[in-house]
Each structure stands twice: as C-alpha cells, then as structure tokens.
Protein backbone atom coordinates (compact mmCIF):
# COMPACT_ATOMS: atom_id res chain seq x y z
CA MET A 1 0.06 -0.09 0.05
CA PRO A 2 1.30 3.38 -0.84
CA ARG A 3 2.81 5.66 1.90
CA PRO A 4 0.54 8.39 3.57
CA ASP A 5 2.11 10.97 1.99
CA ARG A 6 1.35 9.89 -1.60
CA PHE A 7 -2.05 9.20 -0.40
CA ARG A 8 -2.30 12.63 0.43
CA LYS A 9 -1.12 14.08 -2.41
CA ARG A 10 -3.28 11.96 -4.80
CA VAL A 11 -6.42 12.76 -2.81
CA VAL A 12 -5.70 16.38 -3.08
CA ALA A 13 -5.32 16.09 -6.78
CA LEU A 14 -8.24 13.99 -6.77
CA LEU A 15 -10.24 16.67 -5.16
CA ARG A 16 -9.13 19.15 -7.55
CA GLU A 17 -10.25 17.28 -10.31
CA ALA A 18 -13.41 16.70 -9.29
CA GLY A 19 -13.99 20.30 -8.66
CA ARG A 20 -16.34 19.28 -6.00
CA PRO A 21 -16.51 17.66 -2.28
CA LEU A 22 -16.27 13.52 -2.59
CA HIS A 23 -17.84 10.70 -0.65
CA TYR A 24 -14.85 8.38 1.08
CA THR A 25 -16.13 5.38 -1.07
CA GLU A 26 -16.08 7.44 -4.45
CA VAL A 27 -12.50 8.50 -3.37
CA GLY A 28 -11.89 4.33 -2.68
CA ARG A 29 -13.64 3.31 -5.62
CA LEU A 30 -11.34 5.98 -7.95
CA LEU A 31 -8.12 5.20 -6.36
CA LYS A 32 -8.53 1.40 -7.00
CA GLU A 33 -9.78 1.93 -10.60
CA GLU A 34 -6.68 4.05 -11.48
CA GLY A 35 -4.31 1.49 -10.02
CA PHE A 36 -3.29 3.41 -6.93
CA TRP A 37 -4.69 1.13 -4.84
CA ALA A 38 -4.22 -2.03 -6.99
CA ARG A 39 -3.94 -4.52 -4.09
CA VAL A 40 -6.33 -3.20 -1.59
CA ARG A 41 -9.04 -5.47 -0.75
CA GLU A 42 -11.48 -3.06 0.67
CA PRO A 43 -10.45 0.52 -0.82
CA GLU A 44 -13.83 2.09 0.87
CA LYS A 45 -12.77 1.14 4.29
CA ILE A 46 -9.10 2.18 3.90
CA ALA A 47 -10.18 5.46 2.29
CA LYS A 48 -12.56 6.10 5.10
CA VAL A 49 -9.81 5.57 8.04
CA ARG A 50 -6.90 7.54 5.73
CA LEU A 51 -9.18 10.68 5.01
CA SER A 52 -10.38 10.75 8.64
CA ALA A 53 -6.93 10.38 10.11
CA LEU A 54 -5.88 13.34 7.48
CA ALA A 55 -8.70 15.71 7.99
CA ARG A 56 -7.90 15.78 11.83
CA TRP A 57 -4.34 17.03 11.16
CA GLU A 58 -4.94 20.91 11.74
CA ARG A 59 -2.60 21.48 8.74
CA SER A 60 -4.11 19.13 6.37
CA PRO A 61 -5.44 20.47 2.81
CA VAL A 62 -8.26 18.40 3.15
CA VAL A 63 -11.09 18.81 5.65
CA ALA A 64 -14.23 16.80 6.52
CA LEU A 65 -17.58 18.40 5.69
CA GLY A 66 -19.85 15.71 7.32
CA ASN A 67 -21.89 12.52 6.22
CA GLY A 68 -18.75 10.96 4.56
CA LEU A 69 -17.91 14.00 2.26
CA TYR A 70 -14.27 15.58 2.27
CA ALA A 71 -13.46 18.81 0.60
CA LEU A 72 -10.16 20.54 -0.10
CA ARG A 73 -9.40 23.11 2.79
CA GLU A 74 -9.14 26.30 -0.01
CA GLU A 75 -12.64 25.29 -1.53
CA ALA A 76 -14.52 24.93 2.06
CA GLY A 77 -13.47 28.18 2.90
CA THR A 78 -11.06 27.67 5.99
CA ASN A 79 -7.38 28.71 6.19
CA PRO A 80 -4.78 26.35 6.57
CA GLY A 81 -3.39 28.33 9.53
CA PRO A 82 -0.09 29.66 10.45
C-alpha cells in the first residue's frame, strides 16, 4: 500500500480534478480503478480511515464536511493556519 504522503497528494489531486467534495467511498473506488490501490481489497474502508486521519491534522489540505464527504480546505472556505 502506498505511503500516507503519496495518499495525501493523490487525494488532493482527485479533489481538484473533481472540483467538488467527494464521499470516501468514491475516493476509495477511484483510487482502486486507477491502480493506485491495485492490491487493496476494501478500498472504501481504507479511504475512510485515512481520510479521517488526514482531516484531523490541523494543517491538512483536506477537511471533513460531515456525512463522509471530504473537500479541499481552500474550497471549504477555511484557512490552513500558520
């Protein structure tokens, strides 16, 4: 499985490409389809755990909007802080 920093960069790229918030199941499915998680059996579960952890980091480029949706901090209207 790819390292967390590669996951973060790929998720940021996916959210930019989509131009809208994405549900964790959609993120997992997209990562599996593009081969990023070729060997992952349950991409939706892994995406849920990793996105949740990523969104809790205070300087994260990704924020949780609720109901399993994630967006880029810049699109959600919040500042990343110092």
